[in-house]
Amino acid sequence: MKRINVWNTYDLELQKKCDDFAASYMNFLDHGKTERECVDQIVRIAEENGFRELNDLIEKGERLQPGDGVYFIWMNKSAVLFRIGTKPMADGLNILGAHIDSPRLDVKQNPLYEDTGLAYLDTHYYGGIKKYHYVARPLAIHGVVVKKSGETVELAIGEDEDDPVFFVSDILIHLAQDQMKKTASEAVEGENLDLLIGSCPVRITADSKAGSEGKKPSEGDDVRKAVLDLLLEQYGIEEADFESAELEIVPAGKAREAGFDRSMVLAYGQDDRVCAYPSLAAMMDASAPERTTCCLLVDKEEIGSVGATGMQSHFFENALAEVMNLCGCYSELVLRRALANSCMLSSDVSAAYDPLYASCFEKKNAAMMGEGIVFNKFTGSRGKSGSNDSNAEYIAHLRSIFDEADIRTQTAELGKVDVGGGGTIAYILALYGMNVIDSGVAVLNMHAPYEAASKADIYEAYRAYRVFLEHASYQNMQV
């Protein structure tokens, strides 16, 4: 089955819309390199578009009416937004769900040490990475340090031109004979992904004197002490504060246009913010709905959607119950009916076909860059293990509404059978009995420090998500 490249369907007006959308998306990436930073942007965008915070409404006892927008933030790492529709909640919601965490290095709780005049932060990698990707490249530190007093210190060091950057060292090629004999997964060990953060053993001041007279050799932790002095002076952080810190090590630098034709975006964290941002934008721009619409933007997908901020927790279900209560329609039965009757797009990326690694793909069932939003009927691995397998009737309904809106779509699997596999949050929402299918943008270099996506696919995803919110209406049970 041959498909039309999205760019071939554009005129100058659509091309400008596509480029403008990509520019706003790249700005989102530049200011959202962690899930917490993404949540800050989500709140800003939601409030600019008239959405109100759920807990404020609960405290005031305000009722929600059709057309009202409401958002709920959970532990500053996950968000859910609702736009109230005119139809009963029991008829179901139209839900977009993406994740806002990305693979990275996390700083350990007791991280700071010195070895031979070099100061390091010890790290533990998060999510599926090729460890060799993180050596010998500029890295930035993002995150929060929460002090015993409750004060939160926010850090983002390494992004501005005047900021220092950090790095993980690699052995020089001249001494790498043993390393080069190892497999790619063993060439760089996880315990060696320690961040080099300083090498100066003294704070030089106006009182410092030049020359070696009267100077003593280093005692072995002078650099570490000097770094601690800097942290205290510049950020008010003491060594013990690392115990209650969440610091993430990510590639330094901004999102960039890629290619002579500027047709692609090259940036860190596009899995899955390349679906999260179009989902959020579609939620903001969609017209007043008949069915209540919802946008889920969650944490911890890269490590199995576990923990209090992952999709396996009950924060979404709890938030929906509170929204229904403010609409005057809550009961356990109505909540169960609403979930079972909902339609969902699990907005997550697909692996773009890479001609340089063609042996990993089955070409006619692979996602192609520039051919529109990708639908994965199922994910999982081997014999569809751990997958959500979407129903044919639901897919037919989606085909109908997207064809009507002239949305470019394609279908794909994640590589050849038995070559690999992966999962999303789709199977978790499917536990409620709702119809769910994975849909997202094809990405090259997935999980690498810099991932690539077509601007046309990104804009097509936004268009598709908006059409879905406005027109999806498939319902499992009549109530």
Protein backbone atom coordinates (compact mmCIF):
# COMPACT_ATOMS: atom_id res chain seq x y z
CA MET A 1 0.00 0.00 0.00
CA LYS A 2 1.58 3.27 -1.16
CA ARG A 3 0.90 6.52 0.69
CA ILE A 4 1.19 10.18 -0.23
CA ASN A 5 4.00 12.09 1.45
CA VAL A 6 2.46 14.79 3.66
CA TRP A 7 4.61 17.54 2.13
CA ASN A 8 3.01 16.83 -1.26
CA THR A 9 -0.39 17.78 0.18
CA TYR A 10 0.69 21.22 1.39
CA ASP A 11 0.38 24.66 -0.16
CA LEU A 12 2.25 27.71 1.11
CA GLU A 13 -0.40 28.41 3.75
CA LEU A 14 -0.21 24.90 5.21
CA GLN A 15 3.57 24.93 5.05
CA LYS A 16 3.64 28.13 7.10
CA LYS A 17 1.24 26.64 9.66
CA CYS A 18 3.45 23.57 9.83
CA ASP A 19 6.62 25.64 10.33
CA ASP A 20 4.98 27.88 12.92
CA PHE A 21 3.74 24.86 14.85
CA ALA A 22 7.23 23.31 14.75
CA ALA A 23 8.70 26.55 16.11
CA SER A 24 6.31 26.56 19.09
CA TYR A 25 7.03 22.87 19.65
CA MET A 26 10.79 23.46 19.65
CA ASN A 27 10.32 26.22 22.22
CA PHE A 28 8.39 23.74 24.37
CA LEU A 29 11.29 21.28 24.09
CA ASP A 30 13.87 23.90 25.02
CA HIS A 31 12.00 24.80 28.20
CA GLY A 32 10.83 21.28 29.06
CA LYS A 33 13.77 18.92 29.41
CA THR A 34 12.33 17.21 32.48
CA GLU A 35 8.83 16.13 33.43
CA ARG A 36 8.67 18.88 36.08
CA GLU A 37 9.64 21.54 33.53
CA CYS A 38 7.02 20.16 31.14
CA VAL A 39 4.37 20.39 33.85
CA ASP A 40 5.29 24.04 34.46
CA GLN A 41 4.71 24.76 30.77
CA ILE A 42 1.48 22.76 30.72
CA VAL A 43 0.10 24.83 33.58
CA ARG A 44 1.13 28.09 31.90
CA ILE A 45 -0.45 27.13 28.57
CA ALA A 46 -3.60 25.78 30.21
CA GLU A 47 -4.16 28.91 32.28
CA GLU A 48 -3.53 31.15 29.27
CA ASN A 49 -6.37 29.25 27.59
CA GLY A 50 -8.81 29.67 30.48
CA PHE A 51 -8.35 26.33 32.24
CA ARG A 52 -8.70 26.34 36.01
CA GLU A 53 -7.04 24.21 38.65
CA LEU A 54 -9.21 21.35 39.95
CA ASN A 55 -8.28 21.67 43.62
CA ASP A 56 -9.23 25.38 43.61
CA LEU A 57 -12.67 24.50 42.25
CA ILE A 58 -13.12 21.75 44.83
CA GLU A 59 -12.16 24.14 47.64
CA LYS A 60 -14.63 26.76 46.39
CA GLY A 61 -17.33 24.20 45.70
CA GLU A 62 -17.86 25.51 42.16
CA ARG A 63 -19.90 23.49 39.68
CA LEU A 64 -18.47 22.68 36.25
CA GLN A 65 -20.52 23.48 33.15
CA PRO A 66 -20.24 22.37 29.51
CA GLY A 67 -17.30 24.14 27.88
CA ASP A 68 -15.36 24.60 31.13
CA GLY A 69 -11.67 23.63 31.13
CA VAL A 70 -10.03 22.18 34.21
CA TYR A 71 -6.56 20.76 34.93
CA PHE A 72 -5.07 18.66 37.71
CA ILE A 73 -1.37 18.31 38.56
CA TRP A 74 -0.06 15.29 40.43
CA MET A 75 3.22 15.61 42.36
CA ASN A 76 4.49 18.17 39.84
CA LYS A 77 5.27 15.36 37.37
CA SER A 78 1.98 14.37 35.73
CA ALA A 79 -1.00 16.34 34.47
CA VAL A 80 -4.53 15.66 33.29
CA LEU A 81 -6.78 18.21 31.58
CA PHE A 82 -10.54 18.05 30.92
CA ARG A 83 -12.92 20.06 28.75
CA ILE A 84 -16.50 19.39 29.83
CA GLY A 85 -18.86 18.27 27.06
CA THR A 86 -22.60 18.53 26.59
CA LYS A 87 -23.25 14.78 26.59
CA PRO A 88 -23.53 12.73 29.79
CA MET A 89 -20.22 11.53 31.20
CA ALA A 90 -21.51 7.98 31.11
CA ASP A 91 -21.33 8.14 27.31
CA GLY A 92 -17.54 8.22 27.62
CA LEU A 93 -14.67 10.65 27.04
CA ASN A 94 -12.29 11.26 24.16
CA ILE A 95 -8.84 10.86 25.70
CA LEU A 96 -5.35 11.67 24.45
CA GLY A 97 -2.55 10.17 26.53
CA ALA A 98 1.19 10.83 26.18
CA HIS A 99 4.20 10.72 28.49
CA ILE A 100 6.58 13.54 29.37
CA ASP A 101 9.51 11.61 30.85
CA SER A 102 12.51 10.70 28.67
CA PRO A 103 15.65 8.55 29.02
CA ARG A 104 18.49 10.29 30.84
CA LEU A 105 20.98 10.02 33.71
CA ASP A 106 19.77 10.61 37.27
CA VAL A 107 22.06 11.82 40.05
CA LYS A 108 22.31 9.39 42.97
CA GLN A 109 21.38 10.39 46.54
CA ASN A 110 24.98 10.26 47.80
CA PRO A 111 26.71 11.36 44.62
CA LEU A 112 29.62 13.69 45.25
CA TYR A 113 33.20 12.37 45.33
CA GLU A 114 36.73 13.28 44.27
CA ASP A 115 39.38 11.14 42.60
CA THR A 116 42.87 12.41 41.68
CA GLY A 117 41.83 16.04 41.68
CA LEU A 118 38.61 15.57 39.74
CA ALA A 119 35.15 15.99 41.28
CA TYR A 120 32.25 13.84 40.12
CA LEU A 121 28.54 13.25 40.60
CA ASP A 122 27.64 9.56 40.63
CA THR A 123 24.66 8.73 38.38
CA HIS A 124 22.15 5.99 37.63
CA TYR A 125 20.71 5.84 34.12
CA TYR A 126 16.92 6.07 33.65
CA GLY A 127 15.07 4.23 30.90
CA GLY A 128 16.48 2.42 27.91
CA ILE A 129 19.70 4.04 26.73
CA LYS A 130 22.81 3.05 24.81
CA LYS A 131 25.30 3.97 27.51
CA TYR A 132 28.00 4.98 25.05
CA HIS A 133 25.73 7.80 23.81
CA TYR A 134 26.35 9.77 27.01
CA VAL A 135 30.15 9.99 27.02
CA ALA A 136 32.24 12.88 25.69
CA ARG A 137 29.35 15.24 24.99
CA PRO A 138 28.11 18.46 26.65
CA LEU A 139 25.54 17.70 29.34
CA ALA A 140 23.29 19.90 31.49
CA ILE A 141 21.91 19.49 35.00
CA HIS A 142 18.17 20.04 35.46
CA GLY A 143 15.98 19.39 38.47
CA VAL A 144 15.12 20.34 42.01
CA VAL A 145 16.80 20.24 45.39
CA VAL A 146 14.32 20.30 48.29
CA LYS A 147 15.86 21.42 51.57
CA LYS A 148 14.72 20.31 55.01
CA SER A 149 13.01 23.67 55.46
CA GLY A 150 10.74 22.84 52.51
CA GLU A 151 12.44 25.38 50.24
CA THR A 152 12.81 24.12 46.67
CA VAL A 153 15.85 25.14 44.64
CA GLU A 154 15.32 24.74 40.90
CA LEU A 155 18.37 24.10 38.73
CA ALA A 156 18.91 24.31 34.98
CA ILE A 157 22.64 24.60 34.40
CA GLY A 158 24.23 24.16 31.01
CA GLU A 159 21.65 25.62 28.63
CA ASP A 160 22.57 29.32 28.45
CA GLU A 161 25.61 30.39 26.45
CA ASP A 162 27.25 31.68 29.64
CA ASP A 163 26.55 28.49 31.62
CA PRO A 164 29.18 25.84 32.25
CA VAL A 165 28.43 22.38 30.89
CA PHE A 166 29.37 18.97 32.27
CA PHE A 167 30.48 15.69 30.73
CA VAL A 168 31.22 12.00 31.18
CA SER A 169 34.76 11.17 30.08
CA ASP A 170 35.74 8.43 27.64
CA ILE A 171 39.01 6.58 27.18
CA LEU A 172 41.17 7.90 24.34
CA ILE A 173 41.31 5.74 21.20
CA HIS A 174 45.08 5.16 21.73
CA LEU A 175 44.34 3.19 24.93
CA ALA A 176 41.01 1.69 23.92
CA GLN A 177 42.12 -1.71 22.61
CA ASP A 178 40.30 -3.64 25.32
CA GLN A 179 37.23 -1.38 25.18
CA MET A 180 36.93 -1.81 21.41
CA LYS A 181 36.78 -5.60 21.78
CA LYS A 182 33.70 -5.38 24.00
CA THR A 183 30.10 -5.41 22.81
CA ALA A 184 28.35 -2.05 22.53
CA SER A 185 26.37 -2.74 25.71
CA GLU A 186 29.58 -3.42 27.66
CA ALA A 187 31.94 -0.79 26.20
CA VAL A 188 30.73 1.79 28.72
CA GLU A 189 29.60 0.49 32.11
CA GLY A 190 26.67 2.04 33.95
CA GLU A 191 28.78 2.69 37.04
CA ASN A 192 31.23 4.67 34.91
CA LEU A 193 28.63 7.19 33.76
CA ASP A 194 29.77 9.65 36.40
CA LEU A 195 29.53 13.35 35.67
CA LEU A 196 32.74 15.41 35.81
CA ILE A 197 31.83 18.68 37.55
CA GLY A 198 35.07 20.33 38.64
CA SER A 199 38.86 20.24 38.86
CA CYS A 200 39.96 23.37 40.74
CA PRO A 201 41.01 22.75 44.37
CA VAL A 202 40.81 26.34 45.55
CA ARG A 203 38.61 29.40 45.38
CA ILE A 204 40.89 32.14 44.00
CA THR A 205 40.12 35.55 45.53
CA ALA A 206 41.66 39.01 45.68
CA ASP A 207 43.68 37.79 48.66
CA SER A 208 45.20 34.83 46.77
CA LYS A 209 48.93 35.07 46.13
CA ALA A 210 50.69 33.80 43.01
CA GLY A 211 53.56 31.31 43.22
CA SER A 212 54.23 28.05 45.04
CA GLU A 213 55.87 29.47 48.14
CA GLY A 214 54.03 28.38 51.27
CA LYS A 215 51.57 26.22 49.30
CA LYS A 216 50.81 22.61 50.30
CA PRO A 217 49.93 19.60 48.12
CA SER A 218 46.24 18.75 47.85
CA GLU A 219 44.81 16.69 50.69
CA GLY A 220 42.68 14.58 48.35
CA ASP A 221 39.30 16.24 48.68
CA ASP A 222 40.10 19.89 48.06
CA VAL A 223 38.22 19.95 44.73
CA ARG A 224 35.18 18.35 46.31
CA LYS A 225 35.22 20.96 49.08
CA ALA A 226 35.63 23.78 46.53
CA VAL A 227 32.61 22.49 44.59
CA LEU A 228 30.57 22.37 47.79
CA ASP A 229 31.57 25.95 48.54
CA LEU A 230 30.34 26.98 45.08
CA LEU A 231 27.05 25.11 45.50
CA LEU A 232 26.44 26.77 48.85
CA GLU A 233 27.40 30.24 47.63
CA GLN A 234 25.50 30.17 44.32
CA TYR A 235 22.51 27.93 45.11
CA GLY A 236 22.33 27.59 48.89
CA ILE A 237 22.82 23.82 48.63
CA GLU A 238 24.70 21.68 51.15
CA GLU A 239 25.96 18.15 50.54
CA ALA A 240 23.23 16.57 52.66
CA ASP A 241 20.60 18.22 50.44
CA PHE A 242 21.40 15.73 47.67
CA GLU A 243 19.38 13.21 49.72
CA SER A 244 16.18 15.08 48.83
CA ALA A 245 17.11 16.12 45.31
CA GLU A 246 15.87 15.02 41.90
CA LEU A 247 18.58 16.02 39.43
CA GLU A 248 18.52 14.84 35.84
CA ILE A 249 21.48 14.88 33.45
CA VAL A 250 20.37 15.63 29.88
CA PRO A 251 22.07 16.71 26.65
CA ALA A 252 22.89 20.42 26.67
CA GLY A 253 21.62 22.55 23.82
CA LYS A 254 18.49 23.65 22.05
CA ALA A 255 16.24 21.91 19.56
CA ARG A 256 17.38 22.54 16.00
CA GLU A 257 15.92 22.42 12.54
CA ALA A 258 17.60 19.65 10.54
CA GLY A 259 18.36 19.21 6.85
CA PHE A 260 19.11 21.74 4.11
CA ASP A 261 15.34 21.99 3.66
CA ARG A 262 14.75 22.44 7.42
CA SER A 263 12.11 19.71 7.19
CA MET A 264 12.99 17.97 10.46
CA VAL A 265 13.39 18.71 14.16
CA LEU A 266 16.49 17.34 15.91
CA ALA A 267 16.27 17.48 19.69
CA TYR A 268 16.50 15.66 22.99
CA GLY A 269 13.34 14.23 24.53
CA GLN A 270 11.12 13.86 21.47
CA ASP A 271 10.05 10.48 22.83
CA ASP A 272 7.42 11.34 23.84
CA ARG A 273 7.14 15.13 23.88
CA VAL A 274 6.68 15.05 20.10
CA CYS A 275 3.27 13.56 20.90
CA ALA A 276 2.69 15.31 24.23
CA TYR A 277 2.91 18.83 22.80
CA PRO A 278 0.56 18.22 19.82
CA SER A 279 -1.86 16.54 22.27
CA LEU A 280 -1.77 19.56 24.57
CA ALA A 281 -2.14 21.99 21.65
CA ALA A 282 -5.07 20.01 20.26
CA MET A 283 -6.71 20.08 23.70
CA MET A 284 -6.35 23.87 23.81
CA ASP A 285 -7.62 24.45 20.26
CA ALA A 286 -10.44 21.93 19.90
CA SER A 287 -13.93 23.38 19.66
CA ALA A 288 -16.48 22.98 22.46
CA PRO A 289 -17.08 19.22 22.60
CA GLU A 290 -20.15 17.04 22.81
CA ARG A 291 -18.21 14.30 24.59
CA THR A 292 -15.97 15.48 27.42
CA THR A 293 -12.38 15.60 26.24
CA CYS A 294 -9.27 14.73 28.22
CA CYS A 295 -5.50 15.03 27.80
CA LEU A 296 -3.23 12.87 29.97
CA LEU A 297 0.46 13.80 30.20
CA VAL A 298 2.20 11.37 32.51
CA ASP A 299 5.50 10.39 34.08
CA LYS A 300 7.46 7.11 34.40
CA GLU A 301 6.45 5.51 31.07
CA GLU A 302 10.09 4.86 30.24
CA ILE A 303 10.45 2.56 33.27
CA GLY A 304 7.10 0.77 33.09
CA SER A 305 4.59 3.47 34.15
CA VAL A 306 5.20 2.56 37.80
CA GLY A 307 5.07 4.68 40.95
CA ALA A 308 2.66 7.33 42.14
CA THR A 309 3.11 9.51 39.03
CA GLY A 310 3.02 6.68 36.49
CA MET A 311 -0.06 5.56 34.58
CA GLN A 312 -0.45 2.51 36.80
CA SER A 313 -1.31 4.75 39.73
CA HIS A 314 -4.91 5.89 40.29
CA PHE A 315 -4.40 9.66 39.96
CA PHE A 316 -6.29 9.81 36.63
CA GLU A 317 -9.24 7.82 37.91
CA ASN A 318 -9.33 9.91 41.09
CA ALA A 319 -9.20 13.16 39.12
CA LEU A 320 -12.04 12.03 36.83
CA ALA A 321 -14.16 11.14 39.87
CA GLU A 322 -13.61 14.64 41.29
CA VAL A 323 -14.51 16.25 37.95
CA MET A 324 -17.67 14.17 37.72
CA ASN A 325 -18.57 15.21 41.25
CA LEU A 326 -18.23 18.89 40.29
CA CYS A 327 -20.49 18.18 37.31
CA GLY A 328 -23.09 16.69 39.67
CA CYS A 329 -23.03 13.22 38.09
CA TYR A 330 -20.63 11.18 40.20
CA SER A 331 -21.35 7.63 41.25
CA GLU A 332 -19.13 4.57 41.10
CA LEU A 333 -21.35 3.09 38.38
CA VAL A 334 -21.30 6.24 36.24
CA LEU A 335 -17.51 6.43 36.64
CA ARG A 336 -17.13 2.82 35.44
CA ARG A 337 -19.46 3.44 32.50
CA ALA A 338 -17.58 6.60 31.53
CA LEU A 339 -14.27 4.78 31.49
CA ALA A 340 -15.58 1.75 29.59
CA ASN A 341 -17.24 3.94 26.94
CA SER A 342 -14.22 6.17 26.37
CA CYS A 343 -12.14 6.39 23.21
CA MET A 344 -8.41 6.85 23.59
CA LEU A 345 -5.39 7.56 21.45
CA SER A 346 -2.26 6.48 23.30
CA SER A 347 -0.06 9.19 21.83
CA ASP A 348 3.39 7.69 21.62
CA VAL A 349 6.17 7.58 19.06
CA SER A 350 6.89 4.91 16.46
CA ALA A 351 10.26 3.79 15.15
CA ALA A 352 10.84 5.46 11.79
CA TYR A 353 12.20 3.23 9.04
CA ASP A 354 15.95 3.77 8.75
CA PRO A 355 17.49 2.68 5.42
CA LEU A 356 20.89 2.36 7.13
CA TYR A 357 19.46 -0.33 9.43
CA ALA A 358 16.96 -1.88 7.02
CA SER A 359 17.54 -5.39 8.36
CA CYS A 360 15.70 -4.45 11.59
CA PHE A 361 12.45 -3.54 9.78
CA GLU A 362 9.77 -5.24 7.72
CA LYS A 363 9.47 -2.44 5.21
CA LYS A 364 5.80 -2.55 4.25
CA ASN A 365 4.79 -2.52 7.94
CA ALA A 366 7.24 0.15 9.04
CA ALA A 367 6.58 3.83 9.83
CA MET A 368 7.96 6.22 7.25
CA MET A 369 9.02 9.78 8.03
CA GLY A 370 6.85 12.31 6.23
CA GLU A 371 3.88 10.01 5.66
CA GLY A 372 1.70 11.19 8.52
CA ILE A 373 0.62 10.08 11.97
CA VAL A 374 1.34 6.40 12.71
CA PHE A 375 -1.15 3.90 14.13
CA ASN A 376 0.11 0.77 15.86
CA LYS A 377 -2.71 -1.74 16.25
CA PHE A 378 -0.56 -3.57 18.76
CA THR A 379 2.80 -3.18 20.48
CA GLY A 380 4.58 -5.66 22.74
CA SER A 381 7.27 -8.11 21.68
CA ARG A 382 7.62 -11.54 20.10
CA GLY A 383 4.08 -13.03 20.10
CA LYS A 384 2.50 -9.65 20.98
CA SER A 385 3.52 -10.19 24.60
CA GLY A 386 2.46 -7.32 26.86
CA SER A 387 0.52 -5.58 24.10
CA ASN A 388 -2.71 -3.71 23.70
CA ASP A 389 -4.36 -5.05 20.53
CA SER A 390 -6.93 -2.57 19.29
CA ASN A 391 -10.32 -3.72 17.96
CA ALA A 392 -11.01 -3.61 14.23
CA GLU A 393 -14.33 -1.82 14.78
CA TYR A 394 -12.61 1.02 16.62
CA ILE A 395 -9.93 1.34 13.95
CA ALA A 396 -12.63 1.53 11.26
CA HIS A 397 -14.29 4.37 13.18
CA LEU A 398 -11.00 6.27 13.37
CA ARG A 399 -10.29 5.70 9.68
CA SER A 400 -13.68 7.22 8.89
CA ILE A 401 -13.17 10.46 10.85
CA PHE A 402 -9.56 10.95 9.72
CA ASP A 403 -10.34 10.32 6.05
CA GLU A 404 -13.20 12.80 6.29
CA ALA A 405 -10.74 15.43 7.57
CA ASP A 406 -8.06 14.50 4.99
CA ILE A 407 -5.56 13.52 7.70
CA ARG A 408 -2.53 11.58 6.43
CA THR A 409 -2.22 8.31 8.40
CA GLN A 410 -0.11 5.16 8.20
CA THR A 411 0.13 1.88 10.12
CA ALA A 412 3.23 0.19 11.49
CA GLU A 413 4.80 -2.34 13.82
CA LEU A 414 7.92 -1.83 15.92
CA GLY A 415 10.49 -3.60 13.73
CA LYS A 416 10.57 -7.17 12.49
CA VAL A 417 8.84 -9.94 14.42
CA ASP A 418 11.24 -11.35 17.07
CA VAL A 419 13.81 -8.55 16.54
CA GLY A 420 12.71 -6.44 19.50
CA GLY A 421 9.64 -4.73 20.86
CA GLY A 422 8.30 -2.14 23.24
CA GLY A 423 5.24 -0.89 25.06
CA THR A 424 3.27 2.23 25.93
CA ILE A 425 0.55 3.27 28.39
CA ALA A 426 -2.14 1.85 26.06
CA TYR A 427 -2.56 -1.49 27.82
CA ILE A 428 -3.08 0.22 31.18
CA LEU A 429 -6.01 2.35 29.99
CA ALA A 430 -7.39 -0.68 28.16
CA LEU A 431 -7.84 -2.33 31.57
CA TYR A 432 -10.90 -0.10 32.02
CA GLY A 433 -12.44 -1.71 28.92
CA MET A 434 -12.11 1.42 26.79
CA ASN A 435 -11.04 1.39 23.15
CA VAL A 436 -7.37 2.32 22.84
CA ILE A 437 -4.88 2.44 19.99
CA ASP A 438 -1.31 3.72 19.85
CA SER A 439 -0.88 6.71 17.57
CA GLY A 440 2.04 9.05 17.19
CA VAL A 441 4.96 10.43 15.25
CA ALA A 442 7.68 8.40 13.53
CA VAL A 443 11.07 9.15 15.12
CA LEU A 444 14.63 8.39 14.02
CA ASN A 445 17.33 7.78 16.69
CA MET A 446 14.68 6.92 19.30
CA HIS A 447 16.11 7.07 22.86
CA ALA A 448 19.34 8.67 21.63
CA PRO A 449 20.44 12.05 23.04
CA TYR A 450 19.15 13.68 19.86
CA GLU A 451 16.06 12.28 18.12
CA ALA A 452 14.71 13.36 14.73
CA ALA A 453 11.13 13.85 13.53
CA SER A 454 9.51 15.33 10.43
CA LYS A 455 7.84 18.72 10.91
CA ALA A 456 5.04 17.53 8.63
CA ASP A 457 4.38 14.47 10.80
CA ILE A 458 4.34 16.61 13.93
CA TYR A 459 1.78 18.98 12.46
CA GLU A 460 -0.27 16.09 11.09
CA ALA A 461 -0.33 14.57 14.58
CA TYR A 462 -1.72 17.85 15.95
CA ARG A 463 -4.40 17.91 13.24
CA ALA A 464 -5.31 14.27 13.91
CA TYR A 465 -5.51 14.74 17.68
CA ARG A 466 -7.79 17.74 17.28
CA VAL A 467 -10.11 15.88 14.89
CA PHE A 468 -10.18 12.95 17.33
CA LEU A 469 -11.17 15.15 20.27
CA GLU A 470 -13.93 16.82 18.26
CA HIS A 471 -15.38 13.86 16.37
CA ALA A 472 -14.56 10.47 17.93
CA SER A 473 -17.77 8.88 19.22
CA TYR A 474 -17.34 5.12 19.34
CA GLN A 475 -19.13 3.66 22.35
CA ASN A 476 -18.92 0.13 23.76
CA MET A 477 -22.21 0.04 25.67
CA GLN A 478 -25.44 1.99 25.49
CA VAL A 479 -26.49 3.51 28.82
